[in-house]
N, C-alpha and C. Protein backbone atom coordinates (compact mmCIF):
# COMPACT_ATOMS: atom_id res chain seq x y z
N MET A 1 0.73 -1.19 0.14
CA MET A 1 -0.06 -0.34 0.06
C MET A 1 1.00 1.55 -0.11
N ALA A 2 0.18 2.91 0.19
CA ALA A 2 0.80 3.58 -0.58
C ALA A 2 0.18 4.82 0.89
N VAL A 3 0.69 6.04 0.57
CA VAL A 3 0.57 6.49 1.46
C VAL A 3 -0.15 8.27 0.16
N SER A 4 -1.44 8.28 0.52
CA SER A 4 -0.76 9.75 -0.97
C SER A 4 -1.04 11.21 -0.40
N ILE A 5 0.05 12.23 -0.45
CA ILE A 5 0.65 13.06 0.44
C ILE A 5 -0.10 14.03 -0.56
N VAL A 6 -0.74 15.15 -0.35
CA VAL A 6 -0.93 16.62 -0.73
C VAL A 6 -0.93 17.42 0.09
N PHE A 7 -0.45 18.63 0.15
CA PHE A 7 0.74 19.67 -0.02
C PHE A 7 -0.16 20.88 -0.56
N GLU A 8 -0.43 21.80 0.19
CA GLU A 8 -0.71 23.00 -0.20
C GLU A 8 -0.52 24.01 1.03
N THR A 9 0.21 25.34 0.46
CA THR A 9 0.59 26.36 1.47
C THR A 9 -0.83 26.74 1.87
N HIS A 10 -0.49 27.53 3.23
CA HIS A 10 -1.69 29.01 3.89
C HIS A 10 -2.04 29.70 2.52
N GLN A 11 -3.31 30.08 2.58
CA GLN A 11 -3.45 31.07 1.30
C GLN A 11 -2.71 33.19 2.06
N TRP A 12 -2.90 33.09 1.21
CA TRP A 12 -2.47 34.77 0.50
C TRP A 12 -3.05 35.86 2.11
N THR A 13 -1.76 36.50 2.17
CA THR A 13 -1.72 37.22 3.76
C THR A 13 -2.06 38.47 3.54
N GLU A 14 -2.14 39.09 4.94
CA GLU A 14 -1.90 40.24 4.41
C GLU A 14 -0.27 41.10 4.23
N ASP A 15 -0.03 40.09 5.04
CA ASP A 15 1.84 40.28 4.85
C ASP A 15 3.17 39.70 3.29
N ASN A 16 1.48 39.17 2.22
CA ASN A 16 2.22 38.87 0.82
C ASN A 16 1.30 39.99 -0.18
N GLU A 17 1.08 40.28 0.49
CA GLU A 17 -0.26 41.42 -0.36
C GLU A 17 1.32 43.29 -0.09
N CYS A 18 1.65 42.87 1.03
CA CYS A 18 2.30 43.82 1.30
C CYS A 18 4.16 43.62 0.82
N GLY A 19 4.10 42.32 0.13
CA GLY A 19 5.30 41.97 -0.07
C GLY A 19 6.37 40.87 0.78
N VAL A 20 5.98 41.11 2.23
CA VAL A 20 7.10 41.18 3.97
C VAL A 20 6.45 39.13 3.70
N VAL A 21 7.50 39.09 4.20
CA VAL A 21 7.63 37.27 5.01
C VAL A 21 7.37 37.44 6.62
N SER A 22 6.17 36.42 6.17
CA SER A 22 5.97 36.84 8.37
C SER A 22 6.71 35.87 9.25
N GLY A 23 7.87 34.72 8.56
CA GLY A 23 7.70 33.90 9.04
C GLY A 23 8.13 33.47 10.08
N TRP A 24 8.28 33.29 11.58
CA TRP A 24 7.20 32.79 12.61
C TRP A 24 6.56 34.07 13.50
N LEU A 25 5.94 34.90 12.77
CA LEU A 25 4.93 35.38 13.04
C LEU A 25 3.33 35.00 12.94
N PRO A 26 2.47 35.44 13.62
CA PRO A 26 1.32 34.70 12.80
C PRO A 26 0.72 35.00 11.94
N GLY A 27 0.60 35.85 11.77
CA GLY A 27 0.16 36.59 9.71
C GLY A 27 -1.47 35.94 10.22
N ARG A 28 -2.42 36.75 9.23
CA ARG A 28 -3.99 37.33 9.24
C ARG A 28 -3.58 37.04 7.35
N LEU A 29 -5.06 35.72 7.22
CA LEU A 29 -4.78 35.95 6.04
C LEU A 29 -5.96 36.91 5.43
N HIS A 30 -4.91 37.43 4.02
CA HIS A 30 -5.71 38.69 3.57
C HIS A 30 -7.22 38.45 2.62
N PRO A 31 -8.03 39.36 2.99
CA PRO A 31 -9.43 39.03 2.15
C PRO A 31 -9.17 37.65 0.97
N ARG A 32 -8.32 38.35 0.06
CA ARG A 32 -7.91 36.97 -0.87
C ARG A 32 -7.71 35.49 -0.53
N GLY A 33 -6.82 35.77 0.53
CA GLY A 33 -6.61 34.65 1.30
C GLY A 33 -8.23 33.36 1.32
N ARG A 34 -8.29 34.39 2.31
CA ARG A 34 -9.51 33.66 2.55
C ARG A 34 -11.18 32.87 1.42
N VAL A 35 -11.22 34.05 0.07
CA VAL A 35 -11.42 33.02 -1.32
C VAL A 35 -10.49 32.59 -1.51
N LEU A 36 -9.23 31.77 -1.78
CA LEU A 36 -8.67 30.90 -2.18
C LEU A 36 -8.74 29.60 -0.81
N SER A 37 -9.10 30.20 0.34
CA SER A 37 -9.40 29.45 1.42
C SER A 37 -10.46 28.78 0.81
N ARG A 38 -11.70 29.18 0.63
CA ARG A 38 -13.16 28.57 0.44
C ARG A 38 -12.60 27.66 -0.88
N GLU A 39 -11.60 27.97 -1.75
CA GLU A 39 -12.18 27.29 -2.89
C GLU A 39 -10.66 26.78 -2.52
N LEU A 40 -10.15 26.43 -1.54
CA LEU A 40 -9.06 25.29 -1.61
C LEU A 40 -9.95 24.00 -0.64
N GLY A 41 -10.69 24.62 -0.22
CA GLY A 41 -11.64 23.13 0.74
C GLY A 41 -13.00 22.59 -0.60
N ALA A 42 -13.28 23.65 -1.06
CA ALA A 42 -14.26 22.95 -2.52
C ALA A 42 -13.46 22.00 -2.98
N ARG A 43 -11.67 22.51 -4.01
CA ARG A 43 -11.66 21.43 -4.78
C ARG A 43 -11.05 20.60 -3.68
N ARG A 44 -11.04 20.69 -2.81
CA ARG A 44 -10.11 19.10 -1.97
C ARG A 44 -11.05 18.59 -0.73
N ARG A 45 -12.18 19.18 -0.73
CA ARG A 45 -13.24 18.56 0.30
C ARG A 45 -13.53 17.13 -0.51
N ALA A 46 -13.73 17.34 -1.83
CA ALA A 46 -14.08 15.77 -2.44
C ALA A 46 -13.03 14.78 -2.92
N ASP A 47 -11.84 15.40 -2.43
CA ASP A 47 -10.71 14.71 -3.37
C ASP A 47 -9.97 13.55 -2.32
N GLY A 48 -11.44 12.87 -1.74
CA GLY A 48 -10.86 11.82 -0.81
C GLY A 48 -9.26 12.05 0.24
N ILE A 49 -9.88 12.73 0.54
CA ILE A 49 -8.30 13.19 1.91
C ILE A 49 -9.17 12.29 3.27
N ASP A 50 -8.70 11.60 3.76
CA ASP A 50 -9.01 10.69 4.76
C ASP A 50 -8.46 11.90 5.80
N ALA A 51 -7.30 12.74 5.98
CA ALA A 51 -6.86 13.14 7.16
C ALA A 51 -6.32 14.71 6.80
N VAL A 52 -5.95 16.32 7.84
CA VAL A 52 -6.02 17.59 7.39
C VAL A 52 -4.74 17.58 8.22
N PHE A 53 -3.64 17.62 8.25
CA PHE A 53 -2.46 18.15 9.47
C PHE A 53 -2.27 20.23 8.83
N THR A 54 -1.79 20.48 10.20
CA THR A 54 -2.12 22.02 9.22
C THR A 54 -1.22 22.19 10.99
N SER A 55 0.25 23.53 10.44
CA SER A 55 1.19 24.39 11.19
C SER A 55 0.16 24.63 12.56
N ASP A 56 0.79 25.04 13.34
CA ASP A 56 0.37 26.05 14.37
C ASP A 56 0.10 27.50 14.36
N LEU A 57 0.53 27.85 13.48
CA LEU A 57 0.71 29.60 12.82
C LEU A 57 -0.51 29.56 12.69
N ALA A 58 -0.92 31.16 12.87
CA ALA A 58 -2.31 31.70 12.64
C ALA A 58 -2.73 31.66 10.77
N ARG A 59 -1.52 31.61 10.65
CA ARG A 59 -2.45 31.96 8.93
C ARG A 59 -2.75 30.22 8.26
N ALA A 60 -1.77 29.59 8.73
CA ALA A 60 -2.24 28.30 8.54
C ALA A 60 -3.36 27.62 8.77
N VAL A 61 -3.81 27.79 10.36
CA VAL A 61 -5.05 27.92 11.17
C VAL A 61 -6.05 28.13 10.53
N GLU A 62 -5.67 29.04 9.84
CA GLU A 62 -6.63 29.86 9.23
C GLU A 62 -7.25 29.21 8.14
N THR A 63 -6.59 29.20 7.31
CA THR A 63 -6.55 28.42 6.37
C THR A 63 -7.21 26.64 6.49
N ALA A 64 -7.19 26.61 7.47
CA ALA A 64 -7.29 24.66 7.48
C ALA A 64 -9.11 25.11 7.88
N GLU A 65 -9.18 26.37 8.92
CA GLU A 65 -10.89 26.43 9.53
C GLU A 65 -11.64 27.14 8.19
N ILE A 66 -11.14 27.16 7.58
CA ILE A 66 -12.31 28.21 6.43
C ILE A 66 -12.15 26.99 5.26
N ALA A 67 -11.65 26.67 5.20
CA ALA A 67 -11.40 25.14 3.88
C ALA A 67 -12.09 24.16 4.94
N PHE A 68 -11.73 23.94 5.98
CA PHE A 68 -12.31 22.23 6.55
C PHE A 68 -12.97 22.90 7.69
N GLY A 69 -13.03 24.05 8.21
CA GLY A 69 -13.83 24.08 9.79
C GLY A 69 -12.80 23.14 10.42
N LEU A 70 -11.48 23.15 10.78
CA LEU A 70 -10.52 22.39 11.29
C LEU A 70 -9.70 23.61 12.26
N ARG A 71 -10.32 23.05 13.65
CA ARG A 71 -9.66 23.66 14.76
C ARG A 71 -8.80 24.16 16.14
N THR A 72 -8.08 22.18 15.14
CA THR A 72 -6.30 22.01 16.10
C THR A 72 -5.17 21.87 15.88
N PRO A 73 -5.02 23.25 16.14
CA PRO A 73 -2.97 22.83 15.41
C PRO A 73 -2.18 22.43 16.00
N TYR A 74 -1.28 21.85 15.58
CA TYR A 74 0.00 21.52 15.86
C TYR A 74 0.38 22.07 16.61
N PRO A 75 1.39 22.31 18.01
CA PRO A 75 1.91 23.11 18.06
C PRO A 75 3.68 22.68 18.38
N GLY A 76 4.16 23.95 18.89
CA GLY A 76 5.24 24.22 18.99
C GLY A 76 6.16 24.92 17.32
N GLY A 77 6.65 25.18 17.48
CA GLY A 77 7.14 26.12 16.54
C GLY A 77 8.88 25.90 16.49
N GLU A 78 9.81 25.95 14.75
CA GLU A 78 10.95 26.04 15.13
C GLU A 78 11.86 26.31 14.13
N SER A 79 13.27 26.08 14.35
CA SER A 79 13.88 25.90 13.04
C SER A 79 13.87 25.78 11.28
N TRP A 80 14.03 25.97 10.27
CA TRP A 80 14.23 25.53 8.70
C TRP A 80 14.64 23.62 8.98
N GLU A 81 15.79 23.68 9.92
CA GLU A 81 16.67 22.42 10.02
C GLU A 81 15.14 21.35 10.77
N GLN A 82 14.73 21.68 12.21
CA GLN A 82 13.41 21.66 12.99
C GLN A 82 12.46 20.77 11.34
N ALA A 83 12.16 21.78 11.13
CA ALA A 83 10.92 21.69 11.10
C ALA A 83 11.24 21.00 9.69
N VAL A 84 12.36 20.77 8.67
CA VAL A 84 12.76 19.54 7.89
C VAL A 84 12.38 17.93 8.79
N GLY A 85 13.06 18.25 9.71
CA GLY A 85 13.18 16.88 10.74
C GLY A 85 11.52 16.17 11.08
N ARG A 86 11.21 17.72 11.69
CA ARG A 86 9.81 17.25 12.14
C ARG A 86 9.09 16.73 10.57
N VAL A 87 9.20 17.37 9.59
CA VAL A 87 8.11 16.44 8.62
C VAL A 87 8.67 15.30 8.02
N ALA A 88 10.33 14.87 8.78
CA ALA A 88 10.43 13.83 8.27
C ALA A 88 10.33 12.75 8.91
N GLY A 89 9.83 13.19 10.31
CA GLY A 89 9.43 12.79 10.95
C GLY A 89 7.87 12.60 10.74
N MET A 90 7.50 12.52 10.94
CA MET A 90 5.56 12.85 10.59
C MET A 90 5.95 12.10 9.02
N VAL A 91 6.24 12.12 7.73
CA VAL A 91 6.58 11.33 6.69
C VAL A 91 6.58 9.70 7.53
N ASP A 92 7.75 9.94 7.62
CA ASP A 92 7.80 8.55 8.26
C ASP A 92 6.63 7.85 9.32
N ASP A 93 5.59 8.08 10.21
CA ASP A 93 4.84 7.64 10.78
C ASP A 93 3.70 8.01 10.17
N LEU A 94 3.57 8.02 8.65
CA LEU A 94 2.64 8.11 8.01
C LEU A 94 1.59 6.96 7.08
N PRO A 95 2.75 5.65 7.08
CA PRO A 95 2.73 4.47 6.74
C PRO A 95 1.79 3.63 7.49
N GLY A 96 2.34 4.13 8.52
CA GLY A 96 2.01 3.26 9.68
C GLY A 96 0.35 3.40 10.50
N ARG A 97 0.12 4.85 10.21
CA ARG A 97 -1.47 5.51 10.32
C ARG A 97 -2.18 5.46 9.85
N TRP A 98 -1.66 6.16 8.18
CA TRP A 98 -2.59 6.34 7.14
C TRP A 98 -2.30 5.39 5.93
N ASP A 99 -1.76 4.15 6.29
CA ASP A 99 -1.36 3.74 4.87
C ASP A 99 -2.53 3.23 3.55
N GLY A 100 -2.71 2.83 3.10
CA GLY A 100 -3.86 3.47 1.80
C GLY A 100 -4.57 4.20 2.16
N ALA A 101 -4.58 5.71 2.34
CA ALA A 101 -5.13 6.78 2.82
C ALA A 101 -5.01 7.76 1.82
N ARG A 102 -5.01 9.17 1.67
CA ARG A 102 -5.14 10.52 0.65
C ARG A 102 -5.20 10.83 2.09
N VAL A 103 -4.23 11.83 2.35
CA VAL A 103 -3.81 13.09 3.56
C VAL A 103 -3.66 14.00 2.88
N LEU A 104 -4.72 15.13 3.45
CA LEU A 104 -3.59 16.28 3.15
C LEU A 104 -2.13 17.19 3.89
N ILE A 105 -1.85 18.24 3.61
CA ILE A 105 -1.18 18.94 5.40
C ILE A 105 -0.78 20.20 4.20
N ILE A 106 -1.30 21.33 5.13
CA ILE A 106 -1.35 22.24 4.69
C ILE A 106 0.04 22.89 5.66
N GLY A 107 1.04 23.64 5.03
CA GLY A 107 2.57 24.42 5.90
C GLY A 107 2.92 25.89 5.26
N HIS A 108 3.78 25.18 4.80
CA HIS A 108 4.34 26.75 4.74
C HIS A 108 5.79 25.92 3.89
N VAL A 109 6.32 27.30 3.94
CA VAL A 109 7.44 26.51 2.70
C VAL A 109 8.45 25.65 3.26
N ALA A 110 9.07 25.69 4.64
CA ALA A 110 9.65 25.14 4.90
C ALA A 110 9.07 23.36 5.01
N THR A 111 7.56 23.47 5.19
CA THR A 111 7.10 22.06 5.04
C THR A 111 7.08 21.84 3.85
N LYS A 112 6.94 22.03 2.83
CA LYS A 112 7.17 21.83 1.04
C LYS A 112 8.83 21.12 1.19
N CYS A 113 9.75 21.68 1.69
CA CYS A 113 11.10 21.79 1.89
C CYS A 113 11.27 20.41 2.87
N GLY A 114 10.91 20.80 3.67
CA GLY A 114 10.96 19.11 4.51
C GLY A 114 10.13 18.13 3.64
N LEU A 115 9.03 17.96 3.01
CA LEU A 115 8.60 16.66 1.95
C LEU A 115 9.99 16.48 0.97
N ASP A 116 9.82 17.97 0.30
CA ASP A 116 11.43 17.51 -0.89
C ASP A 116 12.92 16.60 -0.64
N ILE A 117 13.01 16.81 0.74
CA ILE A 117 13.44 16.62 0.69
C ILE A 117 13.21 14.95 1.16
N ARG A 118 12.65 14.66 2.23
CA ARG A 118 12.05 13.50 2.05
C ARG A 118 12.04 12.80 1.48
N LEU A 119 11.45 13.39 0.75
CA LEU A 119 9.86 12.01 -0.93
C LEU A 119 11.39 12.29 -1.65
N ARG A 120 11.72 13.68 -2.31
CA ARG A 120 12.66 13.56 -3.43
C ARG A 120 13.75 13.24 -3.16
N GLY A 121 15.05 14.21 -2.60
CA GLY A 121 16.18 13.48 -1.77
C GLY A 121 16.43 15.16 -1.93
N GLU A 122 16.52 16.15 -2.28
CA GLU A 122 16.97 17.48 -2.37
C GLU A 122 17.74 17.57 -1.59
N SER A 123 18.21 18.68 -1.63
CA SER A 123 19.25 19.51 -0.07
C SER A 123 18.28 21.40 -0.17
N LEU A 124 18.52 20.78 1.21
CA LEU A 124 18.46 22.38 2.26
C LEU A 124 18.40 23.95 1.16
N GLU A 125 20.16 23.45 1.69
CA GLU A 125 20.82 24.01 0.64
C GLU A 125 20.05 24.96 -0.88
N ASP A 126 19.77 23.06 -1.27
CA ASP A 126 19.39 23.74 -3.13
C ASP A 126 17.66 24.10 -3.25
N LEU A 127 17.26 23.60 -2.61
CA LEU A 127 15.82 24.33 -2.49
C LEU A 127 15.74 25.64 -1.76
N VAL A 128 15.98 26.14 -1.03
CA VAL A 128 16.10 27.74 -0.83
C VAL A 128 16.82 28.78 -1.54
N ALA A 129 18.01 27.66 -2.31
CA ALA A 129 18.67 28.83 -3.47
C ALA A 129 17.21 28.91 -4.72
N ASP A 130 17.02 27.52 -4.52
CA ASP A 130 16.09 28.33 -6.08
C ASP A 130 14.83 28.62 -5.79
N GLY A 131 14.64 28.63 -4.62
CA GLY A 131 13.40 29.95 -4.33
C GLY A 131 11.81 28.87 -4.13
N PHE A 132 10.85 30.19 -4.22
CA PHE A 132 9.43 29.51 -4.25
C PHE A 132 8.54 29.39 -4.63
N GLU A 133 7.93 29.34 -5.68
CA GLU A 133 6.93 29.39 -6.20
C GLU A 133 5.20 29.02 -5.73
N TRP A 134 4.87 29.94 -5.37
CA TRP A 134 3.25 29.18 -5.47
C TRP A 134 2.26 28.54 -6.26
N ARG A 135 2.06 27.90 -5.62
CA ARG A 135 0.96 26.96 -7.13
C ARG A 135 -0.07 26.52 -6.30
N GLU A 136 -1.33 26.35 -7.06
CA GLU A 136 -2.05 25.65 -5.90
C GLU A 136 -1.97 23.66 -5.64
N GLY A 137 -1.06 23.42 -5.10
CA GLY A 137 -1.05 22.02 -4.47
C GLY A 137 -0.07 21.19 -4.85
N TRP A 138 1.24 20.82 -3.72
CA TRP A 138 1.50 19.58 -5.03
C TRP A 138 0.95 18.88 -4.51
N GLU A 139 2.01 17.27 -5.61
CA GLU A 139 1.03 16.24 -4.50
C GLU A 139 2.06 15.17 -4.47
N TYR A 140 2.36 14.00 -3.58
CA TYR A 140 3.38 13.11 -4.03
C TYR A 140 2.71 11.51 -3.62
N LEU A 141 3.94 11.08 -3.59
CA LEU A 141 2.94 9.10 -2.90
C LEU A 141 4.14 8.73 -2.75
N LEU A 142 3.73 9.08 -1.00
CA LEU A 142 5.02 7.75 -0.51
C LEU A 142 4.74 6.36 -0.56
N GLU A 143 5.62 5.30 -1.23
CA GLU A 143 5.15 4.02 -1.55
C GLU A 143 6.17 3.37 -0.47
N ASP A 144 7.47 4.38 -0.35
CA ASP A 144 8.42 3.75 0.63
C ASP A 144 9.69 4.98 0.68
N ALA A 145 9.78 5.45 1.50
CA ALA A 145 11.38 6.51 2.36
C ALA A 145 12.48 6.32 2.31
N PRO A 146 13.24 6.73 2.35
CA PRO A 146 14.94 6.04 2.87
C PRO A 146 14.64 5.62 4.10
N GLY A 147 14.88 4.86 4.64
CA GLY A 147 14.63 4.34 6.21
C GLY A 147 13.37 3.98 6.44
N LEU A 148 12.45 3.72 5.40
CA LEU A 148 11.64 2.67 5.76
C LEU A 148 11.40 1.49 5.42
N GLY A 149 12.47 1.24 4.88
CA GLY A 149 12.09 -0.26 4.57
C GLY A 149 12.89 -0.71 3.00
N SER A 150 12.75 -2.55 3.11
CA SER A 150 13.19 -2.58 1.36
C SER A 150 12.72 -1.86 0.51
N ALA A 151 13.53 -1.36 -0.49
CA ALA A 151 12.83 -1.16 -2.70
C ALA A 151 12.34 0.43 -1.72
N THR A 152 13.07 1.23 -1.01
CA THR A 152 12.38 2.19 -1.21
C THR A 152 12.55 3.17 -1.92
N ARG A 153 11.43 4.12 -2.43
CA ARG A 153 11.35 4.48 -3.55
C ARG A 153 9.93 5.51 -3.15
N ALA A 154 9.98 7.17 -3.40
CA ALA A 154 9.32 7.45 -3.42
C ALA A 154 9.13 8.73 -4.55
N ARG A 155 7.85 8.88 -4.65
CA ARG A 155 7.77 9.98 -6.27
C ARG A 155 6.86 11.32 -6.00
N ARG A 156 7.61 12.21 -6.98
CA ARG A 156 6.13 13.29 -7.00
C ARG A 156 5.70 13.35 -8.15
N ASP A 157 4.16 12.72 -7.77
CA ASP A 157 2.98 12.95 -8.69
C ASP A 157 3.07 14.28 -9.29
N ARG A 158 3.35 14.39 -10.76
CA ARG A 158 2.64 15.69 -11.23
C ARG A 158 1.19 15.99 -11.84
N ALA A 159 0.50 16.83 -11.77
CA ALA A 159 -0.42 17.05 -12.05
C ALA A 159 -0.63 17.43 -14.04
């Protein structure tokens, strides 16, 4: 079996509108972000999603609340390296709890970097140097990932 992972960033924030990076600040969705969150919910609600996970930063929580009515954030915050490590731990945990399921993760650039590092073998340095371009989601298929067993492989699905 496998775990199908869908990644979406939090939606457009007031800081995004001003060209500011929020970092660890909570941030708030811009009216455009609230519209995009409703569209995210409409787009993904019937997409076979079995679970939704989100960052605890306000802009990600607000995105999940608007899109799916979710109100329970994951506690804590961390550095890029810690975020990447946390994402790797979560990815490693998915097959045991969600094998055969389709899960949605709402996060930040660091979350996507963690997925790309764990599932595609990318380096954090390369990902940061390449920059980030927003789009409506990324999809991954976790069949096996490094350290999870024999015949390890993970591939990124392209829509």
